PDB file of all heavy atoms in Angstrom:
ATOM      1  N   SER A   1     163.150   5.559 127.848  1.00  0.00           N
ATOM      2  CA  SER A   1     164.283   5.601 126.902  1.00  0.00           C
ATOM      3  C   SER A   1     165.435   4.855 127.429  1.00  0.00           C
ATOM      4  O   SER A   1     165.644   4.680 128.599  1.00  0.00           O
ATOM      5  CB  SER A   1     164.748   7.076 126.627  1.00  0.00           C
ATOM      6  OG  SER A   1     163.716   7.944 126.083  1.00  0.00           O
ATOM      7  N   CYS A   2     166.248   4.186 126.501  1.00  0.00           N
ATOM      8  CA  CYS A   2     167.441   3.537 126.863  1.00  0.00           C
ATOM      9  C   CYS A   2     168.575   3.890 125.885  1.00  0.00           C
ATOM     10  O   CYS A   2     168.496   3.654 124.670  1.00  0.00           O
ATOM     11  CB  CYS A   2     167.205   2.018 126.706  1.00  0.00           C
ATOM     12  SG  CYS A   2     168.743   0.957 126.943  1.00  0.00           S
ATOM     13  N   ALA A   3     169.469   4.571 126.425  1.00  0.00           N
ATOM     14  CA  ALA A   3     170.618   5.133 125.607  1.00  0.00           C
ATOM     15  C   ALA A   3     171.799   4.146 125.730  1.00  0.00           C
ATOM     16  O   ALA A   3     172.238   3.726 126.879  1.00  0.00           O
ATOM     17  CB  ALA A   3     171.017   6.471 126.037  1.00  0.00           C
ATOM     18  N   ALA A   4     172.435   3.789 124.559  1.00  0.00           N
ATOM     19  CA  ALA A   4     173.533   2.807 124.533  1.00  0.00           C
ATOM     20  C   ALA A   4     174.765   3.538 124.192  1.00  0.00           C
ATOM     21  O   ALA A   4     174.821   4.487 123.235  1.00  0.00           O
ATOM     22  CB  ALA A   4     173.138   1.655 123.542  1.00  0.00           C
ATOM     23  N   SER A   5     175.860   2.953 124.713  1.00  0.00           N
ATOM     24  CA  SER A   5     177.201   3.463 124.313  1.00  0.00           C
ATOM     25  C   SER A   5     178.257   2.306 124.393  1.00  0.00           C
ATOM     26  O   SER A   5     178.021   1.347 125.151  1.00  0.00           O
ATOM     27  CB  SER A   5     177.646   4.630 125.218  1.00  0.00           C
ATOM     28  OG  SER A   5     177.685   4.236 126.632  1.00  0.00           O
ATOM     29  N   GLY A   6     179.389   2.416 123.624  1.00  0.00           N
ATOM     30  CA  GLY A   6     180.392   1.470 123.711  1.00  0.00           C
ATOM     31  C   GLY A   6     180.266   0.338 122.747  1.00  0.00           C
ATOM     32  O   GLY A   6     181.082  -0.584 122.858  1.00  0.00           O
ATOM     33  N   GLY A   7     179.346   0.313 121.779  1.00  0.00           N
ATOM     34  CA  GLY A   7     179.187  -0.748 120.875  1.00  0.00           C
ATOM     35  C   GLY A   7     178.544  -0.274 119.570  1.00  0.00           C
ATOM     36  O   GLY A   7     178.399   1.018 119.404  1.00  0.00           O
ATOM     37  N   THR A   8     178.247  -1.191 118.677  1.00  0.00           N
ATOM     38  CA  THR A   8     177.652  -0.812 117.427  1.00  0.00           C
ATOM     39  C   THR A   8     176.112  -1.025 117.613  1.00  0.00           C
ATOM     40  O   THR A   8     175.654  -2.206 117.391  1.00  0.00           O
ATOM     41  CB  THR A   8     178.163  -1.727 116.281  1.00  0.00           C
ATOM     42  OG1 THR A   8     179.611  -1.486 116.209  1.00  0.00           O
ATOM     43  CG2 THR A   8     177.555  -1.264 114.893  1.00  0.00           C
ATOM     44  N   PHE A   9     175.374  -0.001 117.918  1.00  0.00           N
ATOM     45  CA  PHE A   9     174.019  -0.112 118.298  1.00  0.00           C
ATOM     46  C   PHE A   9     173.097  -0.778 117.180  1.00  0.00           C
ATOM     47  O   PHE A   9     172.228  -1.582 117.502  1.00  0.00           O
ATOM     48  CB  PHE A   9     173.411   1.236 118.638  1.00  0.00           C
ATOM     49  CG  PHE A   9     172.083   1.299 119.021  1.00  0.00           C
ATOM     50  CD1 PHE A   9     171.615   0.934 120.319  1.00  0.00           C
ATOM     51  CD2 PHE A   9     170.986   1.685 118.147  1.00  0.00           C
ATOM     52  CE1 PHE A   9     170.255   0.851 120.708  1.00  0.00           C
ATOM     53  CE2 PHE A   9     169.678   1.644 118.495  1.00  0.00           C
ATOM     54  CZ  PHE A   9     169.275   1.363 119.789  1.00  0.00           C
ATOM     55  N   SER A  10     173.439  -0.533 115.918  1.00  0.00           N
ATOM     56  CA  SER A  10     172.493  -0.901 114.865  1.00  0.00           C
ATOM     57  C   SER A  10     172.535  -2.497 114.638  1.00  0.00           C
ATOM     58  O   SER A  10     171.688  -2.891 113.966  1.00  0.00           O
ATOM     59  CB  SER A  10     172.972  -0.152 113.648  1.00  0.00           C
ATOM     60  OG  SER A  10     174.206  -0.515 113.178  1.00  0.00           O
ATOM     61  N   THR A  11     173.574  -3.138 115.202  1.00  0.00           N
ATOM     62  CA  THR A  11     173.677  -4.625 115.096  1.00  0.00           C
ATOM     63  C   THR A  11     172.964  -5.343 116.253  1.00  0.00           C
ATOM     64  O   THR A  11     172.965  -6.589 116.200  1.00  0.00           O
ATOM     65  CB  THR A  11     175.121  -4.991 114.994  1.00  0.00           C
ATOM     66  OG1 THR A  11     175.800  -4.801 116.301  1.00  0.00           O
ATOM     67  CG2 THR A  11     175.826  -4.336 113.890  1.00  0.00           C
ATOM     68  N   TYR A  12     172.506  -4.657 117.280  1.00  0.00           N
ATOM     69  CA  TYR A  12     171.977  -5.297 118.407  1.00  0.00           C
ATOM     70  C   TYR A  12     170.427  -5.617 118.375  1.00  0.00           C
ATOM     71  O   TYR A  12     169.727  -4.768 117.822  1.00  0.00           O
ATOM     72  CB  TYR A  12     172.166  -4.463 119.690  1.00  0.00           C
ATOM     73  CG  TYR A  12     173.636  -4.198 120.090  1.00  0.00           C
ATOM     74  CD1 TYR A  12     174.049  -3.102 120.763  1.00  0.00           C
ATOM     75  CD2 TYR A  12     174.562  -5.318 119.845  1.00  0.00           C
ATOM     76  CE1 TYR A  12     175.336  -2.901 121.049  1.00  0.00           C
ATOM     77  CE2 TYR A  12     175.882  -5.048 120.159  1.00  0.00           C
ATOM     78  CZ  TYR A  12     176.271  -3.835 120.879  1.00  0.00           C
ATOM     79  OH  TYR A  12     177.547  -3.618 121.148  1.00  0.00           O
ATOM     80  N   THR A  13     169.954  -6.740 118.808  1.00  0.00           N
ATOM     81  CA  THR A  13     168.589  -6.801 119.244  1.00  0.00           C
ATOM     82  C   THR A  13     168.455  -6.110 120.588  1.00  0.00           C
ATOM     83  O   THR A  13     169.229  -6.348 121.529  1.00  0.00           O
ATOM     84  CB  THR A  13     168.175  -8.315 119.393  1.00  0.00           C
ATOM     85  OG1 THR A  13     168.188  -8.911 118.135  1.00  0.00           O
ATOM     86  CG2 THR A  13     166.832  -8.406 119.983  1.00  0.00           C
ATOM     87  N   MET A  14     167.449  -5.215 120.693  1.00  0.00           N
ATOM     88  CA  MET A  14     167.180  -4.466 121.915  1.00  0.00           C
ATOM     89  C   MET A  14     165.871  -4.956 122.554  1.00  0.00           C
ATOM     90  O   MET A  14     164.976  -5.189 121.794  1.00  0.00           O
ATOM     91  CB  MET A  14     167.171  -2.999 121.693  1.00  0.00           C
ATOM     92  CG  MET A  14     168.407  -2.475 120.973  1.00  0.00           C
ATOM     93  SD  MET A  14     169.810  -2.544 122.012  1.00  0.00           S
ATOM     94  CE  MET A  14     169.322  -1.382 123.423  1.00  0.00           C
ATOM     95  N   ALA A  15     165.888  -5.038 123.861  1.00  0.00           N
ATOM     96  CA  ALA A  15     164.613  -5.567 124.539  1.00  0.00           C
ATOM     97  C   ALA A  15     164.435  -4.844 125.793  1.00  0.00           C
ATOM     98  O   ALA A  15     165.214  -4.072 126.353  1.00  0.00           O
ATOM     99  CB  ALA A  15     164.853  -7.145 124.864  1.00  0.00           C
ATOM    100  N   TRP A  16     163.126  -4.915 126.300  1.00  0.00           N
ATOM    101  CA  TRP A  16     162.686  -4.416 127.546  1.00  0.00           C
ATOM    102  C   TRP A  16     162.208  -5.583 128.396  1.00  0.00           C
ATOM    103  O   TRP A  16     161.358  -6.422 127.932  1.00  0.00           O
ATOM    104  CB  TRP A  16     161.587  -3.342 127.473  1.00  0.00           C
ATOM    105  CG  TRP A  16     162.093  -2.063 126.967  1.00  0.00           C
ATOM    106  CD1 TRP A  16     162.049  -1.695 125.578  1.00  0.00           C
ATOM    107  CD2 TRP A  16     162.690  -0.978 127.641  1.00  0.00           C
ATOM    108  NE1 TRP A  16     162.559  -0.419 125.464  1.00  0.00           N
ATOM    109  CE2 TRP A  16     162.965   0.075 126.673  1.00  0.00           C
ATOM    110  CE3 TRP A  16     163.024  -0.848 129.058  1.00  0.00           C
ATOM    111  CZ2 TRP A  16     163.518   1.267 127.130  1.00  0.00           C
ATOM    112  CZ3 TRP A  16     163.536   0.512 129.358  1.00  0.00           C
ATOM    113  CH2 TRP A  16     163.833   1.394 128.390  1.00  0.00           C
ATOM    114  N   PHE A  17     162.665  -5.603 129.679  1.00  0.00           N
ATOM    115  CA  PHE A  17     162.212  -6.526 130.726  1.00  0.00           C
ATOM    116  C   PHE A  17     161.639  -5.820 131.766  1.00  0.00           C
ATOM    117  O   PHE A  17     162.019  -4.646 131.965  1.00  0.00           O
ATOM    118  CB  PHE A  17     163.240  -7.569 131.086  1.00  0.00           C
ATOM    119  CG  PHE A  17     163.645  -8.447 130.084  1.00  0.00           C
ATOM    120  CD1 PHE A  17     164.578  -8.134 129.074  1.00  0.00           C
ATOM    121  CD2 PHE A  17     163.195  -9.759 130.024  1.00  0.00           C
ATOM    122  CE1 PHE A  17     165.018  -9.083 128.086  1.00  0.00           C
ATOM    123  CE2 PHE A  17     163.547 -10.771 129.010  1.00  0.00           C
ATOM    124  CZ  PHE A  17     164.519 -10.275 128.121  1.00  0.00           C
ATOM    125  N   ARG A  18     160.859  -6.385 132.762  1.00  0.00           N
ATOM    126  CA  ARG A  18     160.467  -5.769 133.924  1.00  0.00           C
ATOM    127  C   ARG A  18     160.461  -6.803 135.160  1.00  0.00           C
ATOM    128  O   ARG A  18     160.284  -7.906 134.959  1.00  0.00           O
ATOM    129  CB  ARG A  18     159.086  -5.093 133.729  1.00  0.00           C
ATOM    130  CG  ARG A  18     157.939  -6.023 133.507  1.00  0.00           C
ATOM    131  CD  ARG A  18     156.661  -5.271 133.228  1.00  0.00           C
ATOM    132  NE  ARG A  18     155.437  -6.157 133.033  1.00  0.00           N
ATOM    133  CZ  ARG A  18     154.306  -5.815 132.707  1.00  0.00           C
ATOM    134  NH1 ARG A  18     154.070  -4.441 132.333  1.00  0.00           N
ATOM    135  NH2 ARG A  18     153.355  -6.634 132.569  1.00  0.00           N
ATOM    136  N   GLN A  19     160.510  -6.153 136.334  1.00  0.00           N
ATOM    137  CA  GLN A  19     160.477  -7.046 137.508  1.00  0.00           C
ATOM    138  C   GLN A  19     159.743  -6.253 138.598  1.00  0.00           C
ATOM    139  O   GLN A  19     160.155  -5.209 139.084  1.00  0.00           O
ATOM    140  CB  GLN A  19     161.905  -7.310 137.945  1.00  0.00           C
ATOM    141  CG  GLN A  19     162.040  -8.304 139.165  1.00  0.00           C
ATOM    142  CD  GLN A  19     163.425  -8.833 139.397  1.00  0.00           C
ATOM    143  OE1 GLN A  19     164.357  -8.250 138.962  1.00  0.00           O
ATOM    144  NE2 GLN A  19     163.495  -9.921 140.057  1.00  0.00           N
ATOM    145  N   ALA A  20     158.591  -6.910 138.950  1.00  0.00           N
ATOM    146  CA  ALA A  20     157.870  -6.375 140.102  1.00  0.00           C
ATOM    147  C   ALA A  20     158.406  -6.820 141.407  1.00  0.00           C
ATOM    148  O   ALA A  20     159.081  -7.790 141.517  1.00  0.00           O
ATOM    149  CB  ALA A  20     156.398  -6.729 139.832  1.00  0.00           C
ATOM    150  N   ALA A  21     158.162  -6.095 142.531  1.00  0.00           N
ATOM    151  CA  ALA A  21     158.710  -6.464 143.724  1.00  0.00           C
ATOM    152  C   ALA A  21     158.230  -7.914 144.150  1.00  0.00           C
ATOM    153  O   ALA A  21     157.008  -8.188 144.141  1.00  0.00           O
ATOM    154  CB  ALA A  21     158.104  -5.469 144.858  1.00  0.00           C
ATOM    155  N   GLY A  22     159.160  -8.627 144.563  1.00  0.00           N
ATOM    156  CA  GLY A  22     158.891 -10.015 144.973  1.00  0.00           C
ATOM    157  C   GLY A  22     158.606 -11.035 143.881  1.00  0.00           C
ATOM    158  O   GLY A  22     158.302 -12.124 144.122  1.00  0.00           O
ATOM    159  N   LYS A  23     158.806 -10.569 142.539  1.00  0.00           N
ATOM    160  CA  LYS A  23     158.417 -11.477 141.478  1.00  0.00           C
ATOM    161  C   LYS A  23     159.660 -11.630 140.586  1.00  0.00           C
ATOM    162  O   LYS A  23     160.583 -10.825 140.659  1.00  0.00           O
ATOM    163  CB  LYS A  23     157.371 -10.993 140.712  1.00  0.00           C
ATOM    164  CG  LYS A  23     155.978 -10.920 141.438  1.00  0.00           C
ATOM    165  CD  LYS A  23     154.810 -10.470 140.515  1.00  0.00           C
ATOM    166  CE  LYS A  23     153.565 -10.468 141.247  1.00  0.00           C
ATOM    167  NZ  LYS A  23     152.388 -10.036 140.418  1.00  0.00           N
ATOM    168  N   GLU A  24     159.720 -12.707 139.706  1.00  0.00           N
ATOM    169  CA  GLU A  24     160.807 -12.825 138.796  1.00  0.00           C
ATOM    170  C   GLU A  24     160.745 -11.778 137.641  1.00  0.00           C
ATOM    171  O   GLU A  24     159.668 -11.230 137.290  1.00  0.00           O
ATOM    172  CB  GLU A  24     160.701 -14.182 138.126  1.00  0.00           C
ATOM    173  CG  GLU A  24     160.939 -15.374 139.194  1.00  0.00           C
ATOM    174  CD  GLU A  24     160.922 -16.788 138.581  1.00  0.00           C
ATOM    175  OE1 GLU A  24     160.608 -16.862 137.406  1.00  0.00           O
ATOM    176  OE2 GLU A  24     161.354 -17.674 139.271  1.00  0.00           O
ATOM    177  N   ARG A  25     161.863 -11.579 137.037  1.00  0.00           N
ATOM    178  CA  ARG A  25     161.954 -10.716 135.883  1.00  0.00           C
ATOM    179  C   ARG A  25     161.237 -11.368 134.684  1.00  0.00           C
ATOM    180  O   ARG A  25     161.312 -12.577 134.427  1.00  0.00           O
ATOM    181  CB  ARG A  25     163.448 -10.522 135.497  1.00  0.00           C
ATOM    182  CG  ARG A  25     163.643  -9.481 134.357  1.00  0.00           C
ATOM    183  CD  ARG A  25     165.124  -9.107 134.347  1.00  0.00           C
ATOM    184  NE  ARG A  25     165.565  -8.460 135.587  1.00  0.00           N
ATOM    185  CZ  ARG A  25     166.786  -8.019 135.773  1.00  0.00           C
ATOM    186  NH1 ARG A  25     167.639  -7.978 134.816  1.00  0.00           N
ATOM    187  NH2 ARG A  25     167.146  -7.517 136.979  1.00  0.00           N
ATOM    188  N   GLU A  26     160.443 -10.506 133.968  1.00  0.00           N
ATOM    189  CA  GLU A  26     159.638 -11.032 132.889  1.00  0.00           C
ATOM    190  C   GLU A  26     159.857 -10.155 131.688  1.00  0.00           C
ATOM    191  O   GLU A  26     160.159  -8.947 131.637  1.00  0.00           O
ATOM    192  CB  GLU A  26     158.140 -10.983 133.222  1.00  0.00           C
ATOM    193  CG  GLU A  26     157.480  -9.585 133.438  1.00  0.00           C
ATOM    194  CD  GLU A  26     155.985  -9.647 133.715  1.00  0.00           C
ATOM    195  OE1 GLU A  26     155.489 -10.807 133.363  1.00  0.00           O
ATOM    196  OE2 GLU A  26     155.401  -8.648 133.949  1.00  0.00           O
TER     197      GLU A  26
END
């Protein structure tokens, strides 16, 4: 889950990224 505050959530594109140890964020 990702909870947002401080903005207008419905206008945002929301995304998930991940980063394994020793690797670049993907």
